[in-house]
Amino acid sequence: MSLRWPGFFPALLVTLLFPLLNLAQDGGRPRTVTPPLPDPGDEIAIVADSRGVVFSVVDERGRIVSNLQASDFELYEDGQRQTIDLFRTSNELPLMLAVLLDTSDSQASLLPAEKRAVDVFFDAFFRPGKDYGALATFGGEVHLVNGLTSHLKSLKTALGRIEREQLFRDEDNGTPPLGTALYDALDITGREILEGHTARRVIGSGGTRRAIRRAICVLTDGRDTASQLSPGRVAASLRRRGIVVYALGLGDRFRFGDVDRDALEQLCTATGGKAFFPTDEADLERSFKRIVDDLSGQYIAVYRPTGPPGAAARRTVEIRPRDRRLRVFSQTEYTSEYDTP
């Protein structure tokens, strides 16, 4: 399975994108000068020797908990407790969101309604020049419709071009067995769109970075017939990267019987997101609004890693709520970029 990139895309993307900064901070290197932490304005700049982690918290019923303080958590890196220097809700942080539409034959009748709802969604949440969005479709393969951009008009124009996946019959009236590869599509979206080369250009590296939220919103019936990767492996990979998944479970003409509700709920729960099952077009738009509300209830914690210096290595991060009834969803590891001198 492959991700098809339009030939003109790389040159156009460089022109459209503004530099943004990421959470993936370096740690474990001796420091002689410690710059002050930034004033927590609408965007949070994280200095080079610090790291920021965006996370969400849910209660026993899976509801977002949005009234917590730094004292409600303990933060660990490689098993060593860290001091939280800055803590706040993340609703003003830039959002990097990939919308992934199932365009397989089973979704053909819903595509016009989905496109209208996504269009309304972009109008509701997208802040041009601050947020970044991407569009991709999938059936048997993943197709990049529009790469990450802060230009709302580009996204809306690309959305209008999306069509159902075409299956061409051969002389014997047969169709190629493409199937629907939902989990492979989610994995590719996470790796190549939200954490690939283009995303790294948006996010930046070295010096000072800014915190950013990342999420995938997938519209599908949840039925996977062609993926090479397992649901558990994909969910674990996305969670390690701190990518939240929201799903809109849509059966043909909004029939619930056509939706694999369990699969979508398990996938979203494992990453800290939610699955919604709208009953009509108006309900579909309301579900998008709930996704925006959910993303606005996240937190960011900034700390300076205190572990020993060492070569570039994978480091584990854990945020533990003091109230054991709560559950935290966050990026669980990152790779330090510092090498041993």
Protein backbone atom coordinates (compact mmCIF):
# COMPACT_ATOMS: atom_id res chain seq x y z
CA MET A 1 0.00 0.00 0.00
CA SER A 2 1.40 3.41 -0.91
CA LEU A 3 0.72 7.09 -0.44
CA ARG A 4 0.41 8.86 -3.78
CA TRP A 5 1.76 12.42 -3.81
CA PRO A 6 0.89 14.83 -6.64
CA GLY A 7 3.98 15.78 -8.59
CA PHE A 8 3.58 19.50 -8.07
CA PHE A 9 3.04 19.19 -4.32
CA PRO A 10 6.55 19.62 -2.81
CA ALA A 11 7.27 22.92 -4.58
CA LEU A 12 3.85 24.34 -3.81
CA LEU A 13 4.04 23.29 -0.16
CA VAL A 14 7.27 25.18 0.48
CA THR A 15 5.57 28.33 -0.75
CA LEU A 16 2.45 27.87 1.39
CA LEU A 17 3.78 26.79 4.77
CA PHE A 18 4.96 28.96 7.63
CA PRO A 19 7.48 27.57 10.13
CA LEU A 20 5.93 26.10 13.26
CA LEU A 21 7.65 24.50 16.20
CA ASN A 22 7.09 21.10 17.84
CA LEU A 23 6.98 19.52 21.22
CA ALA A 24 9.68 16.94 20.54
CA GLN A 25 12.39 18.51 22.71
CA ASP A 26 15.92 17.39 23.40
CA GLY A 27 17.03 16.28 26.82
CA GLY A 28 19.88 14.86 28.82
CA ARG A 29 22.69 17.28 27.84
CA PRO A 30 24.73 19.42 30.27
CA ARG A 31 23.69 23.07 30.12
CA THR A 32 25.67 26.15 31.13
CA VAL A 33 22.97 28.72 30.36
CA THR A 34 19.32 28.17 31.20
CA PRO A 35 17.09 30.61 29.30
CA PRO A 36 13.89 31.66 31.07
CA LEU A 37 10.62 29.93 30.33
CA PRO A 38 8.41 31.93 27.97
CA ASP A 39 5.38 33.90 29.03
CA PRO A 40 2.39 31.55 28.43
CA GLY A 41 0.54 33.49 25.77
CA ASP A 42 -1.63 32.09 23.00
CA GLU A 43 1.33 30.09 21.71
CA ILE A 44 3.97 28.51 23.91
CA ALA A 45 7.61 28.68 22.81
CA ILE A 46 9.68 25.90 24.39
CA VAL A 47 13.38 26.62 24.81
CA ALA A 48 15.96 24.15 23.54
CA ASP A 49 16.68 22.43 26.85
CA SER A 50 13.01 21.90 27.70
CA ARG A 51 10.30 19.58 26.51
CA GLY A 52 6.55 20.02 26.26
CA VAL A 53 3.93 17.29 26.35
CA VAL A 54 0.34 17.79 25.21
CA PHE A 55 -2.12 15.39 26.83
CA SER A 56 -5.77 14.77 27.54
CA VAL A 57 -7.46 13.33 30.62
CA VAL A 58 -10.68 11.33 30.76
CA ASP A 59 -12.74 10.07 33.68
CA GLU A 60 -14.17 6.59 34.23
CA ARG A 61 -16.94 7.27 31.71
CA GLY A 62 -14.55 8.50 29.03
CA ARG A 63 -15.46 12.18 29.45
CA ILE A 64 -12.79 14.86 29.04
CA VAL A 65 -11.71 16.39 32.37
CA SER A 66 -10.73 20.01 31.84
CA ASN A 67 -10.39 21.65 35.29
CA LEU A 68 -7.14 20.12 36.59
CA GLN A 69 -3.91 21.74 37.81
CA ALA A 70 -0.22 20.80 37.70
CA SER A 71 -0.47 19.51 41.27
CA ASP A 72 -2.90 16.84 40.03
CA PHE A 73 -0.11 15.06 38.10
CA GLU A 74 3.36 13.57 38.36
CA LEU A 75 5.57 13.56 35.26
CA TYR A 76 8.34 11.01 34.66
CA GLU A 77 11.03 10.63 31.99
CA ASP A 78 12.78 7.27 31.82
CA GLY A 79 11.33 6.52 35.25
CA GLN A 80 12.80 9.66 36.86
CA ARG A 81 10.37 12.22 38.23
CA GLN A 82 10.50 15.65 36.60
CA THR A 83 9.48 19.12 37.75
CA ILE A 84 6.64 20.68 35.77
CA ASP A 85 7.75 24.26 35.05
CA LEU A 86 4.72 25.39 33.06
CA PHE A 87 1.22 23.95 32.96
CA ARG A 88 -1.92 25.16 31.23
CA THR A 89 -4.81 24.12 29.04
CA SER A 90 -3.89 23.85 25.38
CA ASN A 91 -6.97 25.20 23.63
CA GLU A 92 -4.98 28.08 22.15
CA LEU A 93 -2.16 25.91 20.81
CA PRO A 94 -1.90 25.44 17.05
CA LEU A 95 -3.65 22.32 15.79
CA MET A 96 -2.24 20.03 13.10
CA LEU A 97 -5.18 17.98 11.85
CA ALA A 98 -5.41 15.40 9.07
CA VAL A 99 -8.91 14.59 7.78
CA LEU A 100 -9.05 11.07 6.31
CA LEU A 101 -12.07 10.11 4.19
CA ASP A 102 -13.07 6.59 3.25
CA THR A 103 -13.92 6.76 -0.47
CA SER A 104 -14.41 3.04 -0.99
CA ASP A 105 -17.51 1.82 -2.77
CA SER A 106 -19.42 1.22 0.48
CA GLN A 107 -19.26 4.93 1.31
CA ALA A 108 -20.27 6.26 -2.11
CA SER A 109 -23.75 7.47 -1.15
CA LEU A 110 -22.40 9.37 1.89
CA LEU A 111 -19.53 11.23 0.25
CA PRO A 112 -21.47 14.40 -0.65
CA ALA A 113 -22.79 14.76 2.92
CA GLU A 114 -19.33 14.07 4.35
CA LYS A 115 -17.75 16.74 2.18
CA ARG A 116 -20.35 19.30 3.23
CA ALA A 117 -19.79 18.48 6.90
CA VAL A 118 -15.99 18.68 6.58
CA ASP A 119 -16.38 22.04 4.85
CA VAL A 120 -18.44 23.35 7.79
CA PHE A 121 -15.91 21.83 10.17
CA PHE A 122 -13.02 23.70 8.56
CA ASP A 123 -14.96 26.96 8.77
CA ALA A 124 -15.69 26.35 12.47
CA PHE A 125 -12.27 25.39 13.83
CA PHE A 126 -9.60 26.45 11.36
CA ARG A 127 -7.57 29.56 12.20
CA PRO A 128 -5.65 30.51 9.03
CA GLY A 129 -1.98 31.19 9.66
CA LYS A 130 -2.09 29.30 12.96
CA ASP A 131 -3.64 25.88 12.43
CA TYR A 132 -2.54 23.35 9.81
CA GLY A 133 -4.77 20.92 7.98
CA ALA A 134 -4.34 18.10 5.48
CA LEU A 135 -6.76 16.00 3.43
CA ALA A 136 -6.34 12.38 2.40
CA THR A 137 -8.62 9.63 1.11
CA PHE A 138 -8.36 5.87 1.26
CA GLY A 139 -9.86 2.69 -0.05
CA GLY A 140 -7.33 0.12 -1.15
CA GLU A 141 -4.65 2.86 -1.26
CA VAL A 142 -4.07 6.20 0.43
CA HIS A 143 -4.19 9.34 -1.72
CA LEU A 144 -2.93 12.71 -0.51
CA VAL A 145 -5.47 15.31 -1.64
CA ASN A 146 -3.88 18.34 0.02
CA GLY A 147 -0.80 18.38 2.23
CA LEU A 148 -0.40 20.35 5.43
CA THR A 149 -1.25 24.00 4.90
CA SER A 150 -2.40 26.97 6.93
CA HIS A 151 -4.48 28.24 3.99
CA LEU A 152 -8.16 27.51 4.50
CA LYS A 153 -9.05 28.24 0.87
CA SER A 154 -6.59 25.59 -0.33
CA LEU A 155 -8.18 22.96 1.89
CA LYS A 156 -11.73 23.83 0.85
CA THR A 157 -10.81 23.82 -2.84
CA ALA A 158 -9.11 20.43 -2.49
CA LEU A 159 -12.13 19.08 -0.60
CA GLY A 160 -14.36 19.92 -3.53
CA ARG A 161 -12.19 17.80 -5.83
CA ILE A 162 -12.59 14.58 -3.84
CA GLU A 163 -14.49 11.82 -5.63
CA ARG A 164 -15.35 8.24 -4.78
CA GLU A 165 -12.77 5.57 -5.46
CA GLN A 166 -13.32 4.18 -8.94
CA LEU A 167 -13.12 0.44 -9.55
CA PHE A 168 -12.68 -0.31 -13.24
CA ARG A 169 -14.07 -3.62 -14.47
CA ASP A 170 -12.13 -5.84 -16.80
CA GLU A 171 -13.44 -7.65 -19.88
CA ASP A 172 -14.92 -10.41 -17.71
CA ASN A 173 -16.83 -7.83 -15.65
CA GLY A 174 -14.57 -8.44 -12.65
CA THR A 175 -13.18 -5.83 -10.28
CA PRO A 176 -9.72 -5.67 -8.73
CA PRO A 177 -9.66 -6.83 -5.10
CA LEU A 178 -8.55 -3.51 -3.60
CA GLY A 179 -10.64 -3.76 -0.44
CA THR A 180 -10.51 -1.14 2.32
CA ALA A 181 -7.30 -0.69 4.30
CA LEU A 182 -8.38 1.49 7.22
CA TYR A 183 -5.54 0.70 9.63
CA ASP A 184 -2.81 0.98 7.01
CA ALA A 185 -4.27 4.36 6.03
CA LEU A 186 -4.19 5.59 9.63
CA ASP A 187 -0.59 4.45 10.02
CA ILE A 188 0.49 6.20 6.81
CA THR A 189 -1.36 9.37 7.81
CA GLY A 190 0.39 9.44 11.17
CA ARG A 191 3.87 8.71 9.81
CA GLU A 192 3.91 10.52 6.47
CA ILE A 193 1.56 13.43 7.04
CA LEU A 194 1.64 14.29 10.76
CA GLU A 195 5.21 13.15 11.41
CA GLY A 196 6.80 13.00 7.98
CA HIS A 197 9.17 15.31 6.14
CA THR A 198 6.59 18.01 5.50
CA ALA A 199 5.38 17.97 9.11
CA ARG A 200 8.96 18.34 10.33
CA ARG A 201 9.35 21.43 8.16
CA VAL A 202 6.19 22.84 9.73
CA ILE A 203 7.23 21.82 13.23
CA GLY A 204 10.87 22.92 13.02
CA SER A 205 13.92 21.62 14.87
CA GLY A 206 16.69 22.96 17.06
CA GLY A 207 16.75 26.16 19.06
CA THR A 208 13.28 27.14 20.24
CA ARG A 209 10.09 25.32 19.30
CA ARG A 210 6.40 25.85 19.85
CA ALA A 211 3.92 23.36 21.24
CA ILE A 212 1.38 21.91 18.84
CA ARG A 213 -1.56 19.49 18.99
CA ARG A 214 -1.92 16.67 16.45
CA ALA A 215 -4.99 14.65 15.54
CA ILE A 216 -6.58 12.52 12.82
CA CYS A 217 -10.28 12.69 12.04
CA VAL A 218 -11.41 9.68 9.99
CA LEU A 219 -14.81 9.26 8.32
CA THR A 220 -15.51 5.58 7.65
CA ASP A 221 -17.75 2.62 8.38
CA GLY A 222 -14.86 1.02 10.26
CA ARG A 223 -14.80 -2.13 8.14
CA ASP A 224 -11.25 -3.11 7.21
CA THR A 225 -10.70 -5.80 4.57
CA ALA A 226 -7.16 -5.20 3.31
CA SER A 227 -4.78 -3.80 5.96
CA GLN A 228 -1.42 -5.41 6.57
CA LEU A 229 -1.14 -3.88 10.06
CA SER A 230 -3.20 -4.90 13.07
CA PRO A 231 -5.50 -2.44 14.89
CA GLY A 232 -3.52 -2.77 18.12
CA ARG A 233 -0.19 -2.07 16.46
CA VAL A 234 -1.52 1.03 14.69
CA ALA A 235 -3.19 2.41 17.83
CA ALA A 236 0.00 1.89 19.87
CA SER A 237 2.10 3.62 17.22
CA LEU A 238 -0.22 6.64 17.08
CA ARG A 239 -0.31 6.92 20.85
CA ARG A 240 3.49 6.84 21.07
CA ARG A 241 3.52 9.82 18.74
CA GLY A 242 0.85 11.66 20.72
CA ILE A 243 -1.62 11.60 17.82
CA VAL A 244 -5.28 11.47 18.85
CA VAL A 245 -7.81 9.73 16.58
CA TYR A 246 -11.45 10.75 16.23
CA ALA A 247 -13.77 8.65 14.12
CA LEU A 248 -17.13 9.42 12.56
CA GLY A 249 -18.78 6.05 12.00
CA LEU A 250 -20.95 6.31 8.92
CA GLY A 251 -22.80 3.45 7.28
CA ASP A 252 -24.45 3.60 3.88
CA ARG A 253 -27.20 6.25 4.16
CA PHE A 254 -26.46 6.54 7.91
CA ARG A 255 -27.50 2.95 8.66
CA PHE A 256 -25.90 1.79 11.92
CA GLY A 257 -25.92 -1.83 10.81
CA ASP A 258 -23.22 -1.06 8.28
CA VAL A 259 -20.79 0.34 10.88
CA ASP A 260 -18.24 -1.61 12.94
CA ARG A 261 -18.86 0.38 16.12
CA ASP A 262 -16.64 -1.78 18.35
CA ALA A 263 -13.61 -1.43 16.08
CA LEU A 264 -13.90 2.35 15.89
CA GLU A 265 -14.52 2.78 19.62
CA GLN A 266 -11.53 0.61 20.53
CA LEU A 267 -9.26 2.47 18.12
CA CYS A 268 -10.25 5.91 19.37
CA THR A 269 -10.23 4.99 23.05
CA ALA A 270 -6.69 3.62 22.71
CA THR A 271 -5.41 7.01 21.47
CA GLY A 272 -7.46 9.28 23.75
CA GLY A 273 -10.03 10.21 21.11
CA LYS A 274 -13.68 9.34 20.62
CA ALA A 275 -15.92 7.71 18.06
CA PHE A 276 -19.21 9.28 17.02
CA PHE A 277 -22.07 7.68 15.12
CA PRO A 278 -24.21 10.41 13.55
CA THR A 279 -27.72 9.57 12.40
CA ASP A 280 -28.10 12.29 9.76
CA GLU A 281 -26.22 15.16 8.16
CA ALA A 282 -27.07 17.65 10.90
CA ASP A 283 -25.87 15.19 13.53
CA LEU A 284 -22.67 14.76 11.54
CA GLU A 285 -21.97 18.49 11.83
CA ARG A 286 -22.71 18.39 15.58
CA SER A 287 -20.24 15.53 15.96
CA PHE A 288 -17.52 17.67 14.41
CA LYS A 289 -18.32 20.39 16.95
CA ARG A 290 -17.83 17.88 19.77
CA ILE A 291 -14.43 16.97 18.36
CA VAL A 292 -13.38 20.64 18.50
CA ASP A 293 -14.61 20.83 22.10
CA ASP A 294 -12.63 17.71 23.00
CA LEU A 295 -9.41 19.02 21.50
CA SER A 296 -9.89 22.27 23.42
CA GLY A 297 -9.83 20.35 26.71
CA GLN A 298 -6.23 19.16 26.43
CA TYR A 299 -3.31 20.28 28.62
CA ILE A 300 0.35 21.06 28.08
CA ALA A 301 3.11 20.44 30.62
CA VAL A 302 6.62 21.86 30.07
CA TYR A 303 9.65 20.51 31.92
CA ARG A 304 13.45 20.42 31.70
CA PRO A 305 14.69 16.81 31.52
CA THR A 306 17.03 16.03 34.40
CA GLY A 307 18.32 12.66 33.21
CA PRO A 308 22.04 11.97 32.65
CA PRO A 309 23.67 13.05 29.37
CA GLY A 310 24.07 10.44 26.69
CA ALA A 311 23.86 9.61 23.02
CA ALA A 312 20.73 10.23 21.00
CA ALA A 313 18.24 7.74 22.33
CA ARG A 314 14.57 6.96 22.68
CA ARG A 315 13.22 8.33 25.96
CA THR A 316 9.97 7.35 27.63
CA VAL A 317 7.56 9.88 29.10
CA GLU A 318 4.76 9.14 31.53
CA ILE A 319 2.19 11.45 33.12
CA ARG A 320 0.51 9.94 36.17
CA PRO A 321 -2.71 11.44 37.56
CA ARG A 322 -2.87 11.49 41.36
CA ASP A 323 -6.52 10.48 41.08
CA ARG A 324 -6.23 6.89 39.90
CA ARG A 325 -9.76 6.98 38.51
CA LEU A 326 -8.51 9.25 35.74
CA ARG A 327 -6.71 8.15 32.59
CA VAL A 328 -4.11 10.17 30.69
CA PHE A 329 -3.46 10.05 26.94
CA SER A 330 -0.22 11.59 25.69
CA GLN A 331 2.90 11.00 23.67
CA THR A 332 4.73 8.22 25.52
CA GLU A 333 8.20 8.47 23.98
CA TYR A 334 10.49 10.68 21.90
CA THR A 335 14.01 10.54 20.51
CA SER A 336 16.60 12.91 21.91
CA GLU A 337 18.60 14.64 19.18
CA TYR A 338 21.67 15.23 21.35
CA ASP A 339 24.72 13.10 20.74
CA THR A 340 27.45 12.45 23.26
CA PRO A 341 30.25 15.02 22.73
